[in-house]
Amino acid sequence: MRNLVIGVHVAAGDAGRLVDGIVAAEEAGVECAWMTSGGAAADPLAVFAAAAMKTTRIKFGTSILPTFPRHPLVAAQGAMTVDALAPGRLRLGVGPSHKPSVEGTYGIAFDRPQHFLREYLTILRALIETGKVDYKGQRLVARAQLAAPAAVTLMASALRPNGFRLCGELADGAISWVCPLPYLRDVAVPAIQEGAAKANRAAPPLVAHVPVVVSNDEAGIRQAADRQIGFYPRVPYYSQMFQDAGFPEAADGQLSARMVDSLVIWGTAEQVKSRIRELPSFGAGELLAMPLTPPDDRAALARTLAVLGELAHE
């Protein structure tokens, strides 16, 4: 399994429990703890700074910091703080998020998101690699001098071909989200390679976000999937991605049973391990596992973390 990095999405209702979740992931042997961001939830970079004081090895990943509400210099400020406390352990994942969230939550126009992301990545790349930036683009301006470059891995989210191409061109990794594995193999990987070829660089790894649970409670798994990922087909960009991936029912905003079957890895410990071992054949270099939590199975998270940790040490 050394060709697949094992990471897990950590979620909780407050910062203290998030730190506890990251500590538990490290104790289980997982290689990277990922956090989402948005709205008024706990800020991932602040949580990671606290978690750096209680961990020694696990990497930290943001998936993602939305670009529109946070200037890249502000994102860099937080990233450099985490890097100073946990050198080389931060994966700074950034991305545009999606229109309902950006416009509905922040009141910011979701205008040409890929163009905005290109300028954003350009600024962050300069800061991370050289410690300074003097940039004036069409959308963003950034002029700053840091004490030194940082050992931060710069990643970006992608959902459609243009996003994956941009990651191939400018990022150290492309982060998918609820994408069926055949779609990653057939659409994402070629687009990443195309972007990398344009920039004359090696193709960066693809981080495959996959819902995972060690459980045979099929009814509970479907309930958990509906609760945790059921809204994505109702979001325009995700709905279109699902349709492109061969699920026309997403046009009606539904998460169908066959979509769940395509997206979720579940079963016994050995069945889950076997399916995760297949991820590199779909082009994935890293797993970002989203643990599903069936409503009547409180032990599912612990079982899932244990399996992910075991895979990380194969």
Protein backbone atom coordinates (compact mmCIF):
# COMPACT_ATOMS: atom_id res chain seq x y z
CA MET A 1 0.00 0.00 0.00
CA ARG A 2 2.98 2.34 -0.14
CA ASN A 3 1.68 3.67 -3.47
CA LEU A 4 -1.49 4.96 -1.74
CA VAL A 5 -1.45 7.54 1.07
CA ILE A 6 -4.26 6.97 3.57
CA GLY A 7 -6.12 9.98 4.93
CA VAL A 8 -9.40 10.52 6.75
CA HIS A 9 -11.95 13.32 6.96
CA VAL A 10 -12.28 14.42 10.59
CA ALA A 11 -15.59 16.01 11.58
CA ALA A 12 -17.03 17.16 14.92
CA GLY A 13 -19.20 19.89 16.37
CA ASP A 14 -16.49 21.93 18.10
CA ALA A 15 -12.76 22.59 17.96
CA GLY A 16 -11.88 20.46 21.00
CA ARG A 17 -13.53 17.36 19.58
CA LEU A 18 -11.90 18.00 16.21
CA VAL A 19 -8.48 17.98 17.86
CA ASP A 20 -9.46 14.77 19.67
CA GLY A 21 -10.47 13.25 16.34
CA ILE A 22 -7.11 14.14 14.79
CA VAL A 23 -5.27 12.61 17.74
CA ALA A 24 -7.38 9.45 17.39
CA ALA A 25 -6.57 9.29 13.67
CA GLU A 26 -2.85 9.50 14.40
CA GLU A 27 -3.11 6.84 17.11
CA ALA A 28 -4.89 4.58 14.61
CA GLY A 29 -2.00 5.00 12.18
CA VAL A 30 -3.74 7.16 9.56
CA GLU A 31 -1.33 9.35 7.60
CA CYS A 32 -3.38 12.53 7.04
CA ALA A 33 -6.31 14.22 8.79
CA TRP A 34 -8.49 16.32 6.49
CA MET A 35 -10.97 19.04 7.43
CA THR A 36 -13.59 20.87 5.44
CA SER A 37 -14.24 24.59 5.80
CA GLY A 38 -17.12 26.96 5.31
CA GLY A 39 -19.66 29.14 7.00
CA ALA A 40 -19.23 29.59 10.73
CA ALA A 41 -17.63 26.19 11.43
CA ALA A 42 -14.29 25.88 13.20
CA ASP A 43 -11.40 27.18 11.13
CA PRO A 44 -9.22 24.24 9.97
CA LEU A 45 -5.92 26.09 10.21
CA ALA A 46 -6.63 27.12 13.80
CA VAL A 47 -7.62 23.55 14.67
CA PHE A 48 -4.49 22.18 13.01
CA ALA A 49 -2.31 24.61 14.96
CA ALA A 50 -3.82 23.23 18.18
CA ALA A 51 -3.53 19.64 16.95
CA ALA A 52 0.14 20.21 16.13
CA MET A 53 0.76 20.51 19.87
CA LYS A 54 -0.76 17.07 20.54
CA THR A 55 0.53 15.07 17.56
CA THR A 56 3.93 14.28 16.09
CA ARG A 57 3.44 12.60 12.73
CA ILE A 58 0.03 12.95 11.12
CA LYS A 59 -0.29 15.37 8.23
CA PHE A 60 -3.03 18.00 8.06
CA GLY A 61 -5.12 18.73 4.96
CA THR A 62 -7.69 21.42 4.17
CA SER A 63 -10.35 20.22 1.77
CA ILE A 64 -10.91 22.91 1.09
CA LEU A 65 -10.34 26.53 2.10
CA PRO A 66 -12.83 28.43 -0.10
CA THR A 67 -11.00 31.00 -2.18
CA PHE A 68 -13.60 33.73 -2.55
CA PRO A 69 -14.03 34.68 1.16
CA ARG A 70 -10.31 34.51 2.06
CA HIS A 71 -7.53 36.49 0.35
CA PRO A 72 -4.55 34.25 -0.53
CA LEU A 73 -2.27 36.27 1.77
CA VAL A 74 -4.63 35.50 4.67
CA ALA A 75 -4.63 31.83 3.71
CA ALA A 76 -0.83 31.91 3.53
CA GLN A 77 -0.63 33.56 6.95
CA GLY A 78 -2.54 30.70 8.54
CA ALA A 79 -0.64 28.08 6.55
CA MET A 80 2.74 29.46 7.58
CA THR A 81 1.65 29.39 11.23
CA VAL A 82 0.74 25.69 11.00
CA ASP A 83 3.97 24.96 9.12
CA ALA A 84 6.01 26.64 11.87
CA LEU A 85 4.36 24.40 14.47
CA ALA A 86 4.30 21.22 12.37
CA PRO A 87 7.00 21.59 9.69
CA GLY A 88 6.21 19.86 6.41
CA ARG A 89 2.92 18.41 7.60
CA LEU A 90 0.37 20.76 6.02
CA ARG A 91 -1.49 20.09 2.77
CA LEU A 92 -3.09 23.42 1.94
CA GLY A 93 -6.06 22.55 -0.24
CA VAL A 94 -7.92 25.51 -1.73
CA GLY A 95 -10.81 25.77 -4.15
CA PRO A 96 -13.79 27.86 -5.23
CA SER A 97 -16.43 25.83 -3.33
CA HIS A 98 -19.75 26.19 -5.16
CA LYS A 99 -22.23 28.91 -6.05
CA PRO A 100 -25.01 28.29 -3.49
CA SER A 101 -22.54 28.41 -0.62
CA VAL A 102 -20.45 31.35 -1.80
CA GLU A 103 -23.37 33.54 -2.83
CA GLY A 104 -25.86 32.34 -0.24
CA THR A 105 -23.53 32.38 2.77
CA TYR A 106 -21.09 35.17 1.97
CA GLY A 107 -22.97 37.30 -0.56
CA ILE A 108 -19.97 37.15 -2.90
CA ALA A 109 -20.51 36.77 -6.64
CA PHE A 110 -19.39 33.33 -7.85
CA ASP A 111 -17.77 34.81 -10.95
CA ARG A 112 -15.36 32.83 -13.18
CA PRO A 113 -14.24 30.54 -10.35
CA GLN A 114 -11.47 28.77 -12.28
CA HIS A 115 -9.92 32.07 -13.36
CA PHE A 116 -9.99 33.27 -9.76
CA LEU A 117 -8.44 29.98 -8.59
CA ARG A 118 -5.63 30.31 -11.14
CA GLU A 119 -4.58 33.68 -9.74
CA TYR A 120 -5.01 32.40 -6.19
CA LEU A 121 -2.71 29.42 -6.80
CA THR A 122 -0.16 31.62 -8.53
CA ILE A 123 0.10 33.85 -5.45
CA LEU A 124 0.28 30.95 -3.01
CA ARG A 125 2.91 29.15 -5.13
CA ALA A 126 5.16 32.20 -5.09
CA LEU A 127 4.84 32.60 -1.32
CA ILE A 128 5.43 28.93 -0.53
CA GLU A 129 8.38 28.48 -2.87
CA THR A 130 10.17 31.85 -2.56
CA GLY A 131 8.76 33.49 0.57
CA LYS A 132 7.68 36.57 -1.35
CA VAL A 133 5.13 37.72 -3.91
CA ASP A 134 4.60 40.78 -6.07
CA TYR A 135 1.54 40.05 -8.14
CA LYS A 136 -1.15 42.12 -9.83
CA GLY A 137 -3.69 40.11 -11.79
CA GLN A 138 -7.13 40.81 -13.17
CA ARG A 139 -8.82 39.65 -9.98
CA LEU A 140 -6.22 39.67 -7.20
CA VAL A 141 -3.33 41.78 -5.96
CA ALA A 142 -0.73 40.51 -3.49
CA ARG A 143 2.54 42.05 -2.33
CA ALA A 144 4.27 40.54 0.69
CA GLN A 145 7.58 39.31 2.04
CA LEU A 146 7.76 36.36 4.44
CA ALA A 147 10.66 35.40 6.67
CA ALA A 148 11.32 32.29 4.57
CA PRO A 149 9.68 29.82 2.18
CA ALA A 150 7.53 27.08 3.70
CA ALA A 151 7.33 23.30 3.34
CA VAL A 152 3.60 23.42 2.59
CA THR A 153 2.05 21.14 -0.04
CA LEU A 154 -0.27 23.21 -2.23
CA MET A 155 -3.36 21.38 -3.46
CA ALA A 156 -6.63 22.37 -5.09
CA SER A 157 -10.10 20.95 -5.50
CA ALA A 158 -11.49 19.83 -8.83
CA LEU A 159 -14.79 18.43 -10.06
CA ARG A 160 -14.90 18.89 -13.83
CA PRO A 161 -12.17 18.58 -16.51
CA ASN A 162 -11.10 22.24 -16.43
CA GLY A 163 -10.52 22.05 -12.69
CA PHE A 164 -8.44 18.89 -12.96
CA ARG A 165 -6.41 20.44 -15.79
CA LEU A 166 -5.69 23.48 -13.63
CA CYS A 167 -4.53 21.24 -10.80
CA GLY A 168 -2.22 19.41 -13.18
CA GLU A 169 -0.74 22.71 -14.25
CA LEU A 170 -0.35 24.56 -10.94
CA ALA A 171 -0.98 22.38 -7.87
CA ASP A 172 0.87 19.66 -5.98
CA GLY A 173 -2.27 17.54 -5.91
CA ALA A 174 -5.87 17.44 -7.15
CA ILE A 175 -8.59 16.81 -4.56
CA SER A 176 -11.80 15.20 -5.77
CA TRP A 177 -15.08 15.04 -3.83
CA VAL A 178 -17.81 12.37 -4.13
CA CYS A 179 -16.69 11.48 -7.66
CA PRO A 180 -17.37 7.92 -8.85
CA LEU A 181 -14.11 6.04 -9.34
CA PRO A 182 -14.60 5.37 -13.09
CA TYR A 183 -15.10 9.13 -13.56
CA LEU A 184 -11.76 9.77 -11.83
CA ARG A 185 -10.03 7.23 -14.07
CA ASP A 186 -11.64 8.32 -17.32
CA VAL A 187 -12.02 12.08 -16.83
CA ALA A 188 -9.89 13.36 -13.95
CA VAL A 189 -6.62 11.54 -14.60
CA PRO A 190 -6.37 12.46 -18.32
CA ALA A 191 -7.20 16.09 -17.50
CA ILE A 192 -4.53 16.24 -14.78
CA GLN A 193 -2.00 14.78 -17.20
CA GLU A 194 -2.99 17.29 -19.86
CA GLY A 195 -2.50 20.21 -17.48
CA ALA A 196 0.85 18.88 -16.31
CA ALA A 197 2.03 18.46 -19.90
CA LYS A 198 1.07 22.07 -20.64
CA ALA A 199 3.29 23.20 -17.76
CA ASN A 200 6.05 20.71 -18.64
CA ARG A 201 5.93 19.12 -15.20
CA ALA A 202 5.17 15.73 -13.69
CA ALA A 203 1.50 15.04 -13.07
CA PRO A 204 0.60 15.60 -9.39
CA PRO A 205 -1.25 12.93 -7.41
CA LEU A 206 -5.02 12.60 -7.39
CA VAL A 207 -6.64 12.58 -3.95
CA ALA A 208 -9.77 10.45 -4.14
CA HIS A 209 -12.48 11.39 -1.67
CA VAL A 210 -14.43 8.21 -0.91
CA PRO A 211 -17.15 7.51 1.70
CA VAL A 212 -16.00 4.47 3.70
CA VAL A 213 -17.48 2.39 6.52
CA VAL A 214 -16.68 -1.01 8.01
CA SER A 215 -20.23 -2.28 8.41
CA ASN A 216 -22.66 -4.77 6.87
CA ASP A 217 -25.76 -2.81 7.93
CA GLU A 218 -26.90 -1.98 4.41
CA ALA A 219 -30.00 -0.08 5.50
CA GLY A 220 -28.00 1.97 8.00
CA ILE A 221 -25.30 2.67 5.41
CA ARG A 222 -27.86 3.97 2.96
CA GLN A 223 -29.37 6.19 5.66
CA ALA A 224 -25.92 7.52 6.53
CA ALA A 225 -25.11 8.15 2.87
CA ASP A 226 -28.35 10.04 2.38
CA ARG A 227 -27.62 12.16 5.46
CA GLN A 228 -23.95 12.86 4.75
CA ILE A 229 -23.77 13.10 0.94
CA GLY A 230 -27.40 13.13 -0.18
CA PHE A 231 -27.50 16.85 -0.89
CA TYR A 232 -24.70 16.85 -3.48
CA PRO A 233 -26.90 15.90 -6.46
CA ARG A 234 -28.95 19.01 -5.65
CA VAL A 235 -25.88 21.26 -6.09
CA PRO A 236 -25.58 22.28 -9.78
CA TYR A 237 -21.88 21.51 -10.41
CA TYR A 238 -22.07 18.19 -8.57
CA SER A 239 -25.29 17.27 -10.32
CA GLN A 240 -23.66 17.84 -13.69
CA MET A 241 -20.61 15.80 -12.69
CA PHE A 242 -22.84 12.88 -11.69
CA GLN A 243 -24.73 13.12 -14.97
CA ASP A 244 -21.44 13.14 -16.88
CA ALA A 245 -20.42 10.07 -14.88
CA GLY A 246 -23.47 8.15 -16.08
CA PHE A 247 -26.12 8.93 -13.46
CA PRO A 248 -28.90 10.90 -15.24
CA GLU A 249 -31.07 10.68 -12.12
CA ALA A 250 -28.85 13.36 -10.59
CA ALA A 251 -30.66 15.85 -12.83
CA ASP A 252 -33.62 15.41 -10.47
CA GLY A 253 -31.43 16.02 -7.42
CA GLN A 254 -31.64 12.48 -6.10
CA LEU A 255 -28.94 10.24 -4.64
CA SER A 256 -30.07 6.93 -6.06
CA ALA A 257 -29.27 3.48 -4.69
CA ARG A 258 -26.95 2.78 -7.61
CA MET A 259 -25.12 6.07 -6.95
CA VAL A 260 -24.55 4.96 -3.36
CA ASP A 261 -23.29 1.61 -4.61
CA SER A 262 -20.85 3.41 -6.90
CA LEU A 263 -19.60 5.89 -4.31
CA VAL A 264 -19.42 4.07 -0.97
CA ILE A 265 -16.86 1.46 0.08
CA TRP A 266 -18.42 -0.72 2.78
CA GLY A 267 -18.49 -4.26 4.12
CA THR A 268 -16.30 -6.34 6.41
CA ALA A 269 -12.81 -5.17 7.31
CA GLU A 270 -11.27 -7.38 4.64
CA GLN A 271 -13.82 -6.35 2.01
CA VAL A 272 -13.11 -2.67 2.70
CA LYS A 273 -9.36 -3.24 2.56
CA SER A 274 -9.65 -5.09 -0.72
CA ARG A 275 -11.63 -2.31 -2.38
CA ILE A 276 -9.33 0.42 -1.10
CA ARG A 277 -6.33 -1.48 -2.46
CA GLU A 278 -7.92 -1.13 -5.90
CA LEU A 279 -7.91 2.69 -5.81
CA PRO A 280 -4.55 3.10 -7.59
CA SER A 281 -6.04 1.28 -10.58
CA PHE A 282 -8.45 4.22 -10.87
CA GLY A 283 -5.56 6.71 -10.79
CA ALA A 284 -5.71 7.64 -7.10
CA GLY A 285 -2.46 8.41 -5.30
CA GLU A 286 -4.17 9.24 -2.02
CA LEU A 287 -7.38 8.29 -0.24
CA LEU A 288 -9.41 10.91 1.57
CA ALA A 289 -11.82 8.63 3.40
CA MET A 290 -15.10 10.10 4.64
CA PRO A 291 -16.31 7.78 7.43
CA LEU A 292 -20.02 7.10 7.19
CA THR A 293 -21.80 6.72 10.50
CA PRO A 294 -24.85 4.42 10.41
CA PRO A 295 -27.41 5.71 12.94
CA ASP A 296 -27.43 2.60 15.16
CA ASP A 297 -23.74 1.71 15.01
CA ARG A 298 -21.62 3.89 17.27
CA ALA A 299 -18.61 1.58 16.89
CA ALA A 300 -18.44 1.97 13.10
CA LEU A 301 -16.06 4.95 13.22
CA ALA A 302 -13.56 3.14 15.44
CA ARG A 303 -13.65 0.07 13.19
CA THR A 304 -13.18 2.20 10.09
CA LEU A 305 -10.25 4.13 11.59
CA ALA A 306 -8.60 0.87 12.61
CA VAL A 307 -8.84 -0.51 9.07
CA LEU A 308 -7.49 2.71 7.57
CA GLY A 309 -4.57 2.64 9.97
CA GLU A 310 -3.80 -0.98 9.11
CA LEU A 311 -3.83 -0.15 5.41
CA ALA A 312 -1.46 2.76 5.98
CA HIS A 313 1.13 0.36 7.40
CA GLU A 314 0.94 -2.34 4.71
